[in-house]
Amino acid sequence: MYKHILIATDGSSLAQNAVATGVALAHALGACITVLMVTEPPTNLVPGTMIGATSEDEHDSQLYPDVAAA
């Protein structure tokens, strides 16, 4: 039926559930998946906890701690 599934996520815990469901569906159907993660670009108007970030990975781990732990 479906041969390719696009899964979009923003890294939130709700989206993580949707990703898990999409992966399970793709596995059950034998479909390929493409995952797209969309985040807001860094700006000068970042929360104080983000000011010390020195790399994109560190930035993402501070902004999305649930994803970094996975």
C-alpha atoms as a PDB file:
ATOM      1  CA  MET A   1       0.000   0.000   0.000  1.00  0.00           C
ATOM      2  CA  TYR A   2       2.410   2.712   1.205  1.00  0.00           C
ATOM      3  CA  LYS A   3       6.004   2.444   0.026  1.00  0.00           C
ATOM      4  CA  HIS A   4       7.494   5.602   1.528  1.00  0.00           C
ATOM      5  CA  ILE A   5       6.417   7.539   4.629  1.00  0.00           C
ATOM      6  CA  LEU A   6       7.504  11.074   5.542  1.00  0.00           C
ATOM      7  CA  ILE A   7       7.701  11.687   9.295  1.00  0.00           C
ATOM      8  CA  ALA A   8       8.075  15.301  10.410  1.00  0.00           C
ATOM      9  CA  THR A   9       9.074  16.147  13.975  1.00  0.00           C
ATOM     10  CA  ASP A  10       9.972  19.161  16.083  1.00  0.00           C
ATOM     11  CA  GLY A  11      11.685  17.120  18.778  1.00  0.00           C
ATOM     12  CA  SER A  12       8.884  17.445  21.319  1.00  0.00           C
ATOM     13  CA  SER A  13       7.720  14.474  23.376  1.00  0.00           C
ATOM     14  CA  LEU A  14       4.400  14.454  21.494  1.00  0.00           C
ATOM     15  CA  ALA A  15       6.261  14.335  18.191  1.00  0.00           C
ATOM     16  CA  GLN A  16       8.488  11.525  19.493  1.00  0.00           C
ATOM     17  CA  ASN A  17       5.352   9.425  19.978  1.00  0.00           C
ATOM     18  CA  ALA A  18       4.313  10.186  16.410  1.00  0.00           C
ATOM     19  CA  VAL A  19       7.781   9.221  15.138  1.00  0.00           C
ATOM     20  CA  ALA A  20       7.618   5.907  16.995  1.00  0.00           C
ATOM     21  CA  THR A  21       4.165   5.227  15.549  1.00  0.00           C
ATOM     22  CA  GLY A  22       5.333   6.162  12.042  1.00  0.00           C
ATOM     23  CA  VAL A  23       8.371   3.896  12.304  1.00  0.00           C
ATOM     24  CA  ALA A  24       6.189   1.010  13.516  1.00  0.00           C
ATOM     25  CA  LEU A  25       3.756   1.580  10.642  1.00  0.00           C
ATOM     26  CA  ALA A  26       6.572   1.675   8.094  1.00  0.00           C
ATOM     27  CA  HIS A  27       8.040  -1.521   9.533  1.00  0.00           C
ATOM     28  CA  ALA A  28       4.662  -3.284   9.397  1.00  0.00           C
ATOM     29  CA  LEU A  29       4.130  -2.193   5.770  1.00  0.00           C
ATOM     30  CA  GLY A  30       7.720  -2.741   4.658  1.00  0.00           C
ATOM     31  CA  ALA A  31       7.893   0.934   3.711  1.00  0.00           C
ATOM     32  CA  CYS A  32      10.877   3.284   3.701  1.00  0.00           C
ATOM     33  CA  ILE A  33      10.836   6.388   5.879  1.00  0.00           C
ATOM     34  CA  THR A  34      12.248   9.865   5.620  1.00  0.00           C
ATOM     35  CA  VAL A  35      12.416  11.867   8.848  1.00  0.00           C
ATOM     36  CA  LEU A  36      12.414  15.665   8.779  1.00  0.00           C
ATOM     37  CA  MET A  37      13.209  17.572  11.977  1.00  0.00           C
ATOM     38  CA  VAL A  38      12.177  21.218  11.960  1.00  0.00           C
ATOM     39  CA  THR A  39      13.451  23.671  14.573  1.00  0.00           C
ATOM     40  CA  GLU A  40      13.578  27.406  14.934  1.00  0.00           C
ATOM     41  CA  PRO A  41      16.867  28.921  13.799  1.00  0.00           C
ATOM     42  CA  PRO A  42      19.075  30.425  16.508  1.00  0.00           C
ATOM     43  CA  THR A  43      18.568  34.165  16.907  1.00  0.00           C
ATOM     44  CA  ASN A  44      19.815  36.927  19.159  1.00  0.00           C
ATOM     45  CA  LEU A  45      16.574  36.556  21.120  1.00  0.00           C
ATOM     46  CA  VAL A  46      17.384  33.234  22.779  1.00  0.00           C
ATOM     47  CA  PRO A  47      16.569  32.218  26.351  1.00  0.00           C
ATOM     48  CA  GLY A  48      19.312  32.861  28.901  1.00  0.00           C
ATOM     49  CA  THR A  49      20.084  29.137  29.196  1.00  0.00           C
ATOM     50  CA  MET A  50      20.997  29.072  25.521  1.00  0.00           C
ATOM     51  CA  ILE A  51      23.551  31.877  25.620  1.00  0.00           C
ATOM     52  CA  GLY A  52      26.374  29.557  26.712  1.00  0.00           C
ATOM     53  CA  ALA A  53      25.852  27.083  23.852  1.00  0.00           C
ATOM     54  CA  THR A  54      29.039  26.707  21.827  1.00  0.00           C
ATOM     55  CA  SER A  55      27.944  24.263  19.145  1.00  0.00           C
ATOM     56  CA  GLU A  56      24.811  23.311  17.250  1.00  0.00           C
ATOM     57  CA  ASP A  57      24.679  19.936  19.039  1.00  0.00           C
ATOM     58  CA  GLU A  58      24.958  21.612  22.435  1.00  0.00           C
ATOM     59  CA  HIS A  59      22.302  24.123  21.377  1.00  0.00           C
ATOM     60  CA  ASP A  60      19.922  21.329  20.346  1.00  0.00           C
ATOM     61  CA  SER A  61      20.565  19.307  23.499  1.00  0.00           C
ATOM     62  CA  GLN A  62      19.675  22.319  25.645  1.00  0.00           C
ATOM     63  CA  LEU A  63      16.627  23.253  23.574  1.00  0.00           C
ATOM     64  CA  TYR A  64      15.329  19.659  23.269  1.00  0.00           C
ATOM     65  CA  PRO A  65      16.572  17.677  26.278  1.00  0.00           C
ATOM     66  CA  ASP A  66      14.152  14.786  25.555  1.00  0.00           C
ATOM     67  CA  VAL A  67      15.721  14.196  22.139  1.00  0.00           C
ATOM     68  CA  ALA A  68      19.294  14.449  23.452  1.00  0.00           C
ATOM     69  CA  ALA A  69      18.615  11.761  26.049  1.00  0.00           C
ATOM     70  CA  ALA A  70      17.341   9.321  23.421  1.00  0.00           C
END
